[in-house]
Amino acid sequence: MTDMILCYITCESEKQAKEISKHLIENKLCACVNIFSNMQSMLFWPPKSGKLIETNEFVIIAKTIESKYKDLESEVKKIHSYEIPCIFSIPVTNVDQNYFNWLINELKND
């Protein structure tokens, strides 16, 4: 078991996904991101409207540690365009030790 987590964040555009990702990395809230393009999403919006919408989104997977989550979430909310952005973490139970060491070193403020 590690304290590493993956943070899943959806965005309305590639531009927004890159801006958020760059902000998180530069502020040492995550060490690395993956951006997945053109994810298909379906949801009722506005909430409780009964109106089903389909849209394309971009998904960020940010690699970080548990102690960074609250700050990461707060920063994403400050710059995200969605009224209710999707931000959640997934625990990582196993990780290559060399990769984990790299990740931890990237998150340190020099």
PDB file of N, CA and C in Angstrom:
ATOM      1  N   MET A   1       0.844  -1.188   0.000  1.00  0.00           N
ATOM      2  CA  MET A   1       0.000   0.000   0.000  1.00  0.00           C
ATOM      3  C   MET A   1       0.887   1.248   0.000  1.00  0.00           C
ATOM      4  N   THR A   2       0.509   2.239  -0.781  1.00  0.00           N
ATOM      5  CA  THR A   2       1.247   3.503  -0.857  1.00  0.00           C
ATOM      6  C   THR A   2       0.289   4.651  -0.583  1.00  0.00           C
ATOM      7  N   ASP A   3       0.823   5.861  -0.487  1.00  0.00           N
ATOM      8  CA  ASP A   3      -0.053   7.022  -0.374  1.00  0.00           C
ATOM      9  C   ASP A   3      -0.227   7.701  -1.735  1.00  0.00           C
ATOM     10  N   MET A   4       0.196   7.012  -2.806  1.00  0.00           N
ATOM     11  CA  MET A   4       0.016   7.533  -4.156  1.00  0.00           C
ATOM     12  C   MET A   4      -1.454   7.433  -4.543  1.00  0.00           C
ATOM     13  N   ILE A   5      -1.923   8.457  -5.258  1.00  0.00           N
ATOM     14  CA  ILE A   5      -3.283   8.459  -5.791  1.00  0.00           C
ATOM     15  C   ILE A   5      -3.263   8.947  -7.231  1.00  0.00           C
ATOM     16  N   LEU A   6      -4.284   8.575  -7.956  1.00  0.00           N
ATOM     17  CA  LEU A   6      -4.548   9.106  -9.281  1.00  0.00           C
ATOM     18  C   LEU A   6      -5.766  10.005  -9.159  1.00  0.00           C
ATOM     19  N   CYS A   7      -5.685  11.227  -9.651  1.00  0.00           N
ATOM     20  CA  CYS A   7      -6.815  12.147  -9.609  1.00  0.00           C
ATOM     21  C   CYS A   7      -7.432  12.239 -10.998  1.00  0.00           C
ATOM     22  N   TYR A   8      -8.710  11.958 -11.060  1.00  0.00           N
ATOM     23  CA  TYR A   8      -9.482  11.948 -12.301  1.00  0.00           C
ATOM     24  C   TYR A   8     -10.227  13.263 -12.386  1.00  0.00           C
ATOM     25  N   ILE A   9     -10.004  14.007 -13.478  1.00  0.00           N
ATOM     26  CA  ILE A   9     -10.601  15.333 -13.645  1.00  0.00           C
ATOM     27  C   ILE A   9     -11.113  15.435 -15.081  1.00  0.00           C
ATOM     28  N   THR A  10     -12.383  15.804 -15.269  1.00  0.00           N
ATOM     29  CA  THR A  10     -12.900  15.991 -16.621  1.00  0.00           C
ATOM     30  C   THR A  10     -12.883  17.476 -16.986  1.00  0.00           C
ATOM     31  N   CYS A  11     -12.680  17.752 -18.280  1.00  0.00           N
ATOM     32  CA  CYS A  11     -12.590  19.125 -18.786  1.00  0.00           C
ATOM     33  C   CYS A  11     -13.382  19.255 -20.080  1.00  0.00           C
ATOM     34  N   GLU A  12     -13.802  20.477 -20.372  1.00  0.00           N
ATOM     35  CA  GLU A  12     -14.609  20.709 -21.565  1.00  0.00           C
ATOM     36  C   GLU A  12     -13.794  20.781 -22.851  1.00  0.00           C
ATOM     37  N   SER A  13     -12.498  21.025 -22.740  1.00  0.00           N
ATOM     38  CA  SER A  13     -11.685  21.184 -23.945  1.00  0.00           C
ATOM     39  C   SER A  13     -10.250  20.742 -23.682  1.00  0.00           C
ATOM     40  N   GLU A  14      -9.536  20.505 -24.768  1.00  0.00           N
ATOM     41  CA  GLU A  14      -8.120  20.173 -24.659  1.00  0.00           C
ATOM     42  C   GLU A  14      -7.350  21.346 -24.057  1.00  0.00           C
ATOM     43  N   LYS A  15      -7.708  22.553 -24.474  1.00  0.00           N
ATOM     44  CA  LYS A  15      -7.047  23.753 -23.962  1.00  0.00           C
ATOM     45  C   LYS A  15      -7.173  23.829 -22.442  1.00  0.00           C
ATOM     46  N   GLN A  16      -8.383  23.611 -21.934  1.00  0.00           N
ATOM     47  CA  GLN A  16      -8.589  23.658 -20.493  1.00  0.00           C
ATOM     48  C   GLN A  16      -7.825  22.546 -19.787  1.00  0.00           C
ATOM     49  N   ALA A  17      -7.833  21.344 -20.349  1.00  0.00           N
ATOM     50  CA  ALA A  17      -7.107  20.218 -19.744  1.00  0.00           C
ATOM     51  C   ALA A  17      -5.615  20.528 -19.651  1.00  0.00           C
ATOM     52  N   LYS A  18      -5.060  21.131 -20.688  1.00  0.00           N
ATOM     53  CA  LYS A  18      -3.633  21.468 -20.675  1.00  0.00           C
ATOM     54  C   LYS A  18      -3.341  22.590 -19.682  1.00  0.00           C
ATOM     55  N   GLU A  19      -4.214  23.589 -19.613  1.00  0.00           N
ATOM     56  CA  GLU A  19      -4.014  24.698 -18.662  1.00  0.00           C
ATOM     57  C   GLU A  19      -4.047  24.197 -17.226  1.00  0.00           C
ATOM     58  N   ILE A  20      -5.036  23.372 -16.904  1.00  0.00           N
ATOM     59  CA  ILE A  20      -5.152  22.827 -15.549  1.00  0.00           C
ATOM     60  C   ILE A  20      -3.945  21.945 -15.241  1.00  0.00           C
ATOM     61  N   SER A  21      -3.578  21.086 -16.173  1.00  0.00           N
ATOM     62  CA  SER A  21      -2.443  20.181 -15.972  1.00  0.00           C
ATOM     63  C   SER A  21      -1.161  20.956 -15.714  1.00  0.00           C
ATOM     64  N   LYS A  22      -0.891  21.949 -16.541  1.00  0.00           N
ATOM     65  CA  LYS A  22       0.321  22.758 -16.386  1.00  0.00           C
ATOM     66  C   LYS A  22       0.327  23.455 -15.028  1.00  0.00           C
ATOM     67  N   HIS A  23      -0.813  23.998 -14.626  1.00  0.00           N
ATOM     68  CA  HIS A  23      -0.933  24.680 -13.337  1.00  0.00           C
ATOM     69  C   HIS A  23      -0.630  23.710 -12.186  1.00  0.00           C
ATOM     70  N   LEU A  24      -1.177  22.522 -12.247  1.00  0.00           N
ATOM     71  CA  LEU A  24      -0.969  21.540 -11.176  1.00  0.00           C
ATOM     72  C   LEU A  24       0.485  21.094 -11.088  1.00  0.00           C
ATOM     73  N   ILE A  25       1.110  20.852 -12.235  1.00  0.00           N
ATOM     74  CA  ILE A  25       2.510  20.425 -12.240  1.00  0.00           C
ATOM     75  C   ILE A  25       3.422  21.553 -11.759  1.00  0.00           C
ATOM     76  N   GLU A  26       3.209  22.768 -12.262  1.00  0.00           N
ATOM     77  CA  GLU A  26       4.061  23.898 -11.870  1.00  0.00           C
ATOM     78  C   GLU A  26       3.957  24.214 -10.379  1.00  0.00           C
ATOM     79  N   ASN A  27       2.790  23.923  -9.792  1.00  0.00           N
ATOM     80  CA  ASN A  27       2.596  24.171  -8.366  1.00  0.00           C
ATOM     81  C   ASN A  27       2.884  22.939  -7.510  1.00  0.00           C
ATOM     82  N   LYS A  28       3.493  21.934  -8.137  1.00  0.00           N
ATOM     83  CA  LYS A  28       3.917  20.707  -7.451  1.00  0.00           C
ATOM     84  C   LYS A  28       2.775  19.999  -6.713  1.00  0.00           C
ATOM     85  N   LEU A  29       1.585  20.076  -7.315  1.00  0.00           N
ATOM     86  CA  LEU A  29       0.436  19.367  -6.769  1.00  0.00           C
ATOM     87  C   LEU A  29       0.296  17.984  -7.394  1.00  0.00           C
ATOM     88  N   CYS A  30       0.984  17.769  -8.493  1.00  0.00           N
ATOM     89  CA  CYS A  30       1.103  16.447  -9.100  1.00  0.00           C
ATOM     90  C   CYS A  30       2.431  16.396  -9.831  1.00  0.00           C
ATOM     91  N   ALA A  31       2.908  15.192 -10.089  1.00  0.00           N
ATOM     92  CA  ALA A  31       4.203  15.033 -10.748  1.00  0.00           C
ATOM     93  C   ALA A  31       4.062  14.859 -12.246  1.00  0.00           C
ATOM     94  N   CYS A  32       2.923  14.373 -12.673  1.00  0.00           N
ATOM     95  CA  CYS A  32       2.749  13.988 -14.069  1.00  0.00           C
ATOM     96  C   CYS A  32       1.255  13.886 -14.346  1.00  0.00           C
ATOM     97  N   VAL A  33       0.868  14.103 -15.598  1.00  0.00           N
ATOM     98  CA  VAL A  33      -0.524  13.903 -15.993  1.00  0.00           C
ATOM     99  C   VAL A  33      -0.588  13.113 -17.293  1.00  0.00           C
ATOM    100  N   ASN A  34      -1.714  12.496 -17.500  1.00  0.00           N
ATOM    101  CA  ASN A  34      -2.083  11.935 -18.800  1.00  0.00           C
ATOM    102  C   ASN A  34      -3.379  12.632 -19.190  1.00  0.00           C
ATOM    103  N   ILE A  35      -3.483  13.036 -20.450  1.00  0.00           N
ATOM    104  CA  ILE A  35      -4.713  13.667 -20.941  1.00  0.00           C
ATOM    105  C   ILE A  35      -5.297  12.748 -22.011  1.00  0.00           C
ATOM    106  N   PHE A  36      -6.529  12.332 -21.784  1.00  0.00           N
ATOM    107  CA  PHE A  36      -7.253  11.494 -22.738  1.00  0.00           C
ATOM    108  C   PHE A  36      -8.239  12.386 -23.489  1.00  0.00           C
ATOM    109  N   SER A  37      -8.231  12.283 -24.810  1.00  0.00           N
ATOM    110  CA  SER A  37      -9.086  13.162 -25.605  1.00  0.00           C
ATOM    111  C   SER A  37     -10.371  12.472 -26.050  1.00  0.00           C
ATOM    112  N   ASN A  38     -11.353  13.319 -26.303  1.00  0.00           N
ATOM    113  CA  ASN A  38     -12.632  12.896 -26.890  1.00  0.00           C
ATOM    114  C   ASN A  38     -13.322  11.747 -26.168  1.00  0.00           C
ATOM    115  N   MET A  39     -13.380  11.853 -24.846  1.00  0.00           N
ATOM    116  CA  MET A  39     -14.140  10.892 -24.061  1.00  0.00           C
ATOM    117  C   MET A  39     -15.621  11.230 -24.234  1.00  0.00           C
ATOM    118  N   GLN A  40     -16.427  10.243 -24.430  1.00  0.00           N
ATOM    119  CA  GLN A  40     -17.858  10.441 -24.577  1.00  0.00           C
ATOM    120  C   GLN A  40     -18.511  10.447 -23.192  1.00  0.00           C
ATOM    121  N   SER A  41     -19.291  11.487 -22.911  1.00  0.00           N
ATOM    122  CA  SER A  41     -19.979  11.586 -21.624  1.00  0.00           C
ATOM    123  C   SER A  41     -21.480  11.722 -21.853  1.00  0.00           C
ATOM    124  N   MET A  42     -22.243  11.127 -20.962  1.00  0.00           N
ATOM    125  CA  MET A  42     -23.707  11.261 -20.948  1.00  0.00           C
ATOM    126  C   MET A  42     -24.117  11.569 -19.520  1.00  0.00           C
ATOM    127  N   LEU A  43     -24.988  12.559 -19.366  1.00  0.00           N
ATOM    128  CA  LEU A  43     -25.471  12.908 -18.037  1.00  0.00           C
ATOM    129  C   LEU A  43     -26.724  13.751 -18.139  1.00  0.00           C
ATOM    130  N   PHE A  44     -27.465  13.819 -17.053  1.00  0.00           N
ATOM    131  CA  PHE A  44     -28.594  14.737 -16.986  1.00  0.00           C
ATOM    132  C   PHE A  44     -28.057  16.100 -16.584  1.00  0.00           C
ATOM    133  N   TRP A  45     -28.327  17.119 -17.408  1.00  0.00           N
ATOM    134  CA  TRP A  45     -27.889  18.479 -17.086  1.00  0.00           C
ATOM    135  C   TRP A  45     -28.859  19.470 -17.673  1.00  0.00           C
ATOM    136  N   PRO A  46     -29.270  20.461 -16.922  1.00  0.00           N
ATOM    137  CA  PRO A  46     -28.935  20.737 -15.533  1.00  0.00           C
ATOM    138  C   PRO A  46     -29.443  19.631 -14.600  1.00  0.00           C
ATOM    139  N   PRO A  47     -28.914  19.611 -13.361  1.00  0.00           N
ATOM    140  CA  PRO A  47     -29.335  18.583 -12.407  1.00  0.00           C
ATOM    141  C   PRO A  47     -30.849  18.539 -12.245  1.00  0.00           C
ATOM    142  N   LYS A  48     -31.368  17.343 -12.156  1.00  0.00           N
ATOM    143  CA  LYS A  48     -32.795  17.081 -11.926  1.00  0.00           C
ATOM    144  C   LYS A  48     -33.682  17.584 -13.060  1.00  0.00           C
ATOM    145  N   SER A  49     -33.104  17.936 -14.221  1.00  0.00           N
ATOM    146  CA  SER A  49     -33.889  18.459 -15.340  1.00  0.00           C
ATOM    147  C   SER A  49     -34.533  17.358 -16.165  1.00  0.00           C
ATOM    148  N   GLY A  50     -33.980  16.150 -16.072  1.00  0.00           N
ATOM    149  CA  GLY A  50     -34.464  15.073 -16.919  1.00  0.00           C
ATOM    150  C   GLY A  50     -33.958  15.187 -18.348  1.00  0.00           C
ATOM    151  N   LYS A  51     -33.129  16.190 -18.615  1.00  0.00           N
ATOM    152  CA  LYS A  51     -32.579  16.399 -19.960  1.00  0.00           C
ATOM    153  C   LYS A  51     -31.239  15.685 -20.073  1.00  0.00           C
ATOM    154  N   LEU A  52     -31.217  14.622 -20.874  1.00  0.00           N
ATOM    155  CA  LEU A  52     -30.001  13.850 -21.061  1.00  0.00           C
ATOM    156  C   LEU A  52     -29.153  14.507 -22.143  1.00  0.00           C
ATOM    157  N   ILE A  53     -27.919  14.835 -21.798  1.00  0.00           N
ATOM    158  CA  ILE A  53     -27.020  15.419 -22.786  1.00  0.00           C
ATOM    159  C   ILE A  53     -25.875  14.457 -23.072  1.00  0.00           C
ATOM    160  N   GLU A  54     -25.330  14.566 -24.267  1.00  0.00           N
ATOM    161  CA  GLU A  54     -24.143  13.825 -24.663  1.00  0.00           C
ATOM    162  C   GLU A  54     -23.100  14.855 -25.062  1.00  0.00           C
ATOM    163  N   THR A  55     -21.879  14.654 -24.619  1.00  0.00           N
ATOM    164  CA  THR A  55     -20.824  15.611 -24.905  1.00  0.00           C
ATOM    165  C   THR A  55     -19.476  14.915 -24.984  1.00  0.00           C
ATOM    166  N   ASN A  56     -18.519  15.587 -25.586  1.00  0.00           N
ATOM    167  CA  ASN A  56     -17.137  15.117 -25.585  1.00  0.00           C
ATOM    168  C   ASN A  56     -16.386  15.867 -24.506  1.00  0.00           C
ATOM    169  N   GLU A  57     -15.567  15.157 -23.763  1.00  0.00           N
ATOM    170  CA  GLU A  57     -14.763  15.783 -22.725  1.00  0.00           C
ATOM    171  C   GLU A  57     -13.327  15.273 -22.844  1.00  0.00           C
ATOM    172  N   PHE A  58     -12.441  15.956 -22.146  1.00  0.00           N
ATOM    173  CA  PHE A  58     -11.053  15.554 -22.022  1.00  0.00           C
ATOM    174  C   PHE A  58     -10.837  15.169 -20.567  1.00  0.00           C
ATOM    175  N   VAL A  59     -10.123  14.087 -20.343  1.00  0.00           N
ATOM    176  CA  VAL A  59      -9.915  13.581 -18.988  1.00  0.00           C
ATOM    177  C   VAL A  59      -8.444  13.702 -18.616  1.00  0.00           C
ATOM    178  N   ILE A  60      -8.194  14.282 -17.447  1.00  0.00           N
ATOM    179  CA  ILE A  60      -6.858  14.360 -16.879  1.00  0.00           C
ATOM    180  C   ILE A  60      -6.736  13.268 -15.821  1.00  0.00           C
ATOM    181  N   ILE A  61      -5.657  12.509 -15.891  1.00  0.00           N
ATOM    182  CA  ILE A  61      -5.274  11.616 -14.801  1.00  0.00           C
ATOM    183  C   ILE A  61      -3.994  12.219 -14.220  1.00  0.00           C
ATOM    184  N   ALA A  62      -4.096  12.795 -13.035  1.00  0.00           N
ATOM    185  CA  ALA A  62      -2.956  13.436 -12.374  1.00  0.00           C
ATOM    186  C   ALA A  62      -2.394  12.490 -11.323  1.00  0.00           C
ATOM    187  N   LYS A  63      -1.079  12.305 -11.346  1.00  0.00           N
ATOM    188  CA  LYS A  63      -0.415  11.372 -10.429  1.00  0.00           C
ATOM    189  C   LYS A  63       0.199  12.163  -9.282  1.00  0.00           C
ATOM    190  N   THR A  64      -0.234  11.835  -8.069  1.00  0.00           N
ATOM    191  CA  THR A  64       0.202  12.595  -6.899  1.00  0.00           C
ATOM    192  C   THR A  64       0.134  11.720  -5.650  1.00  0.00           C
ATOM    193  N   ILE A  65       0.156  12.356  -4.484  1.00  0.00           N
ATOM    194  CA  ILE A  65       0.039  11.645  -3.209  1.00  0.00           C
ATOM    195  C   ILE A  65      -1.142  12.207  -2.424  1.00  0.00           C
ATOM    196  N   GLU A  66      -1.630  11.408  -1.506  1.00  0.00           N
ATOM    197  CA  GLU A  66      -2.839  11.742  -0.737  1.00  0.00           C
ATOM    198  C   GLU A  66      -2.766  13.120  -0.085  1.00  0.00           C
ATOM    199  N   SER A  67      -1.627  13.471   0.483  1.00  0.00           N
ATOM    200  CA  SER A  67      -1.516  14.752   1.202  1.00  0.00           C
ATOM    201  C   SER A  67      -1.652  15.967   0.287  1.00  0.00           C
ATOM    202  N   LYS A  68      -1.565  15.785  -1.023  1.00  0.00           N
ATOM    203  CA  LYS A  68      -1.700  16.896  -1.978  1.00  0.00           C
ATOM    204  C   LYS A  68      -3.133  17.052  -2.488  1.00  0.00           C
ATOM    205  N   TYR A  69      -4.013  16.085  -2.184  1.00  0.00           N
ATOM    206  CA  TYR A  69      -5.336  16.067  -2.810  1.00  0.00           C
ATOM    207  C   TYR A  69      -6.167  17.326  -2.535  1.00  0.00           C
ATOM    208  N   LYS A  70      -6.302  17.732  -1.299  1.00  0.00           N
ATOM    209  CA  LYS A  70      -7.177  18.885  -0.981  1.00  0.00           C
ATOM    210  C   LYS A  70      -6.714  20.145  -1.694  1.00  0.00           C
ATOM    211  N   ASP A  71      -5.403  20.382  -1.736  1.00  0.00           N
ATOM    212  CA  ASP A  71      -4.884  21.555  -2.443  1.00  0.00           C
ATOM    213  C   ASP A  71      -5.107  21.421  -3.947  1.00  0.00           C
ATOM    214  N   LEU A  72      -4.910  20.229  -4.484  1.00  0.00           N
ATOM    215  CA  LEU A  72      -5.154  19.992  -5.903  1.00  0.00           C
ATOM    216  C   LEU A  72      -6.609  20.275  -6.241  1.00  0.00           C
ATOM    217  N   GLU A  73      -7.511  19.731  -5.451  1.00  0.00           N
ATOM    218  CA  GLU A  73      -8.942  19.937  -5.667  1.00  0.00           C
ATOM    219  C   GLU A  73      -9.289  21.425  -5.619  1.00  0.00           C
ATOM    220  N   SER A  74      -8.768  22.119  -4.646  1.00  0.00           N
ATOM    221  CA  SER A  74      -9.033  23.547  -4.488  1.00  0.00           C
ATOM    222  C   SER A  74      -8.544  24.345  -5.704  1.00  0.00           C
ATOM    223  N   GLU A  75      -7.348  24.042  -6.174  1.00  0.00           N
ATOM    224  CA  GLU A  75      -6.796  24.755  -7.334  1.00  0.00           C
ATOM    225  C   GLU A  75      -7.599  24.476  -8.599  1.00  0.00           C
ATOM    226  N   VAL A  76      -8.005  23.239  -8.792  1.00  0.00           N
ATOM    227  CA  VAL A  76      -8.816  22.907  -9.967  1.00  0.00           C
ATOM    228  C   VAL A  76     -10.123  23.693  -9.926  1.00  0.00           C
ATOM    229  N   LYS A  77     -10.781  23.740  -8.783  1.00  0.00           N
ATOM    230  CA  LYS A  77     -12.047  24.465  -8.664  1.00  0.00           C
ATOM    231  C   LYS A  77     -11.891  25.951  -8.964  1.00  0.00           C
ATOM    232  N   LYS A  78     -10.746  26.530  -8.625  1.00  0.00           N
ATOM    233  CA  LYS A  78     -10.510  27.953  -8.881  1.00  0.00           C
ATOM    234  C   LYS A  78     -10.466  28.280 -10.363  1.00  0.00           C
ATOM    235  N   ILE A  79      -9.949  27.353 -11.178  1.00  0.00           N
ATOM    236  CA  ILE A  79      -9.736  27.677 -12.589  1.00  0.00           C
ATOM    237  C   ILE A  79     -10.622  26.894 -13.558  1.00  0.00           C
ATOM    238  N   HIS A  80     -11.416  25.972 -13.059  1.00  0.00           N
ATOM    239  CA  HIS A  80     -12.266  25.138 -13.917  1.00  0.00           C
ATOM    240  C   HIS A  80     -13.511  25.903 -14.341  1.00  0.00           C
ATOM    241  N   SER A  81     -13.986  25.637 -15.548  1.00  0.00           N
ATOM    242  CA  SER A  81     -15.169  26.327 -16.062  1.00  0.00           C
ATOM    243  C   SER A  81     -16.487  25.681 -15.625  1.00  0.00           C
ATOM    244  N   TYR A  82     -16.462  24.424 -15.206  1.00  0.00           N
ATOM    245  CA  TYR A  82     -17.701  23.744 -14.825  1.00  0.00           C
ATOM    246  C   TYR A  82     -18.208  24.246 -13.478  1.00  0.00           C
ATOM    247  N   GLU A  83     -19.518  24.334 -13.372  1.00  0.00           N
ATOM    248  CA  GLU A  83     -20.154  24.685 -12.095  1.00  0.00           C
ATOM    249  C   GLU A  83     -19.844  23.625 -11.036  1.00  0.00           C
ATOM    250  N   ILE A  84     -19.885  22.359 -11.460  1.00  0.00           N
ATOM    251  CA  ILE A  84     -19.582  21.232 -10.570  1.00  0.00           C
ATOM    252  C   ILE A  84     -18.563  20.341 -11.283  1.00  0.00           C
ATOM    253  N   PRO A  85     -17.276  20.657 -11.164  1.00  0.00           N
ATOM    254  CA  PRO A  85     -16.294  19.828 -11.864  1.00  0.00           C
ATOM    255  C   PRO A  85     -16.166  18.435 -11.244  1.00  0.00           C
ATOM    256  N   CYS A  86     -15.900  17.471 -12.102  1.00  0.00           N
ATOM    257  CA  CYS A  86     -15.656  16.097 -11.655  1.00  0.00           C
ATOM    258  C   CYS A  86     -14.193  15.994 -11.248  1.00  0.00           C
ATOM    259  N   ILE A  87     -13.956  15.799  -9.950  1.00  0.00           N
ATOM    260  CA  ILE A  87     -12.607  15.644  -9.412  1.00  0.00           C
ATOM    261  C   ILE A  87     -12.683  14.561  -8.342  1.00  0.00           C
ATOM    262  N   PHE A  88     -11.979  13.482  -8.535  1.00  0.00           N
ATOM    263  CA  PHE A  88     -11.928  12.474  -7.472  1.00  0.00           C
ATOM    264  C   PHE A  88     -10.615  11.721  -7.545  1.00  0.00           C
ATOM    265  N   SER A  89     -10.285  11.036  -6.458  1.00  0.00           N
ATOM    266  CA  SER A  89      -9.024  10.303  -6.420  1.00  0.00           C
ATOM    267  C   SER A  89      -9.265   8.803  -6.382  1.00  0.00           C
ATOM    268  N   ILE A  90      -8.279   8.092  -6.900  1.00  0.00           N
ATOM    269  CA  ILE A  90      -8.281   6.635  -6.926  1.00  0.00           C
ATOM    270  C   ILE A  90      -6.999   6.190  -6.221  1.00  0.00           C
ATOM    271  N   PRO A  91      -7.105   5.395  -5.159  1.00  0.00           N
ATOM    272  CA  PRO A  91      -5.889   4.949  -4.472  1.00  0.00           C
ATOM    273  C   PRO A  91      -5.075   3.993  -5.332  1.00  0.00           C
ATOM    274  N   VAL A  92      -3.770   4.068  -5.183  1.00  0.00           N
ATOM    275  CA  VAL A  92      -2.847   3.165  -5.877  1.00  0.00           C
ATOM    276  C   VAL A  92      -2.304   2.203  -4.823  1.00  0.00           C
ATOM    277  N   THR A  93      -2.570   0.938  -5.007  1.00  0.00           N
ATOM    278  CA  THR A  93      -2.142  -0.032  -4.002  1.00  0.00           C
ATOM    279  C   THR A  93      -0.742  -0.581  -4.260  1.00  0.00           C
ATOM    280  N   ASN A  94      -0.322  -0.582  -5.509  1.00  0.00           N
ATOM    281  CA  ASN A  94       1.012  -1.063  -5.855  1.00  0.00           C
ATOM    282  C   ASN A  94       1.614  -0.136  -6.901  1.00  0.00           C
ATOM    283  N   VAL A  95       2.903   0.132  -6.765  1.00  0.00           N
ATOM    284  CA  VAL A  95       3.605   0.982  -7.730  1.00  0.00           C
ATOM    285  C   VAL A  95       5.081   0.600  -7.730  1.00  0.00           C
ATOM    286  N   ASP A  96       5.700   0.670  -8.877  1.00  0.00           N
ATOM    287  CA  ASP A  96       7.133   0.428  -8.980  1.00  0.00           C
ATOM    288  C   ASP A  96       7.872   1.397  -8.067  1.00  0.00           C
ATOM    289  N   GLN A  97       8.788   0.896  -7.272  1.00  0.00           N
ATOM    290  CA  GLN A  97       9.479   1.728  -6.285  1.00  0.00           C
ATOM    291  C   GLN A  97      10.279   2.859  -6.932  1.00  0.00           C
ATOM    292  N   ASN A  98      10.925   2.596  -8.041  1.00  0.00           N
ATOM    293  CA  ASN A  98      11.681   3.644  -8.726  1.00  0.00           C
ATOM    294  C   ASN A  98      10.760   4.765  -9.219  1.00  0.00           C
ATOM    295  N   TYR A  99       9.608   4.387  -9.755  1.00  0.00           N
ATOM    296  CA  TYR A  99       8.646   5.387 -10.214  1.00  0.00           C
ATOM    297  C   TYR A  99       8.128   6.202  -9.029  1.00  0.00           C
ATOM    298  N   PHE A 100       7.787   5.519  -7.956  1.00  0.00           N
ATOM    299  CA  PHE A 100       7.282   6.203  -6.765  1.00  0.00           C
ATOM    300  C   PHE A 100       8.321   7.179  -6.212  1.00  0.00           C
ATOM    301  N   ASN A 101       9.577   6.762  -6.168  1.00  0.00           N
ATOM    302  CA  ASN A 101      10.651   7.655  -5.696  1.00  0.00           C
ATOM    303  C   ASN A 101      10.751   8.892  -6.587  1.00  0.00           C
ATOM    304  N   TRP A 102      10.658   8.693  -7.903  1.00  0.00           N
ATOM    305  CA  TRP A 102      10.682   9.828  -8.834  1.00  0.00           C
ATOM    306  C   TRP A 102       9.514  10.773  -8.544  1.00  0.00           C
ATOM    307  N   LEU A 103       8.324  10.199  -8.390  1.00  0.00           N
ATOM    308  CA  LEU A 103       7.125  10.997  -8.134  1.00  0.00           C
ATOM    309  C   LEU A 103       7.289  11.841  -6.863  1.00  0.00           C
ATOM    310  N   ILE A 104       7.733  11.232  -5.792  1.00  0.00           N
ATOM    311  CA  ILE A 104       7.920  11.934  -4.530  1.00  0.00           C
ATOM    312  C   ILE A 104       8.925  13.074  -4.687  1.00  0.00           C
ATOM    313  N   ASN A 105      10.011  12.812  -5.390  1.00  0.00           N
ATOM    314  CA  ASN A 105      11.028  13.856  -5.592  1.00  0.00           C
ATOM    315  C   ASN A 105      10.499  15.011  -6.437  1.00  0.00           C
ATOM    316  N   GLU A 106       9.634  14.735  -7.391  1.00  0.00           N
ATOM    317  CA  GLU A 106       9.048  15.788  -8.226  1.00  0.00           C
ATOM    318  C   GLU A 106       8.092  16.686  -7.439  1.00  0.00           C
ATOM    319  N   LEU A 107       7.513  16.140  -6.403  1.00  0.00           N
ATOM    320  CA  LEU A 107       6.531  16.899  -5.605  1.00  0.00           C
ATOM    321  C   LEU A 107       7.172  17.772  -4.534  1.00  0.00           C
ATOM    322  N   LYS A 108       8.459  17.617  -4.339  1.00  0.00           N
ATOM    323  CA  LYS A 108       9.160  18.418  -3.317  1.00  0.00           C
ATOM    324  C   LYS A 108       9.410  19.832  -3.815  1.00  0.00           C
ATOM    325  N   ASN A 109       9.245  20.782  -2.919  1.00  0.00           N
ATOM    326  CA  ASN A 109       9.610  22.157  -3.232  1.00  0.00           C
ATOM    327  C   ASN A 109      11.097  22.309  -2.975  1.00  0.00           C
ATOM    328  N   ASP A 110      11.828  22.685  -4.010  1.00  0.00           N
ATOM    329  CA  ASP A 110      13.287  22.815  -3.879  1.00  0.00           C
ATOM    330  C   ASP A 110      13.691  24.037  -3.090  1.00  0.00           C
TER     331      ASP A 110
END
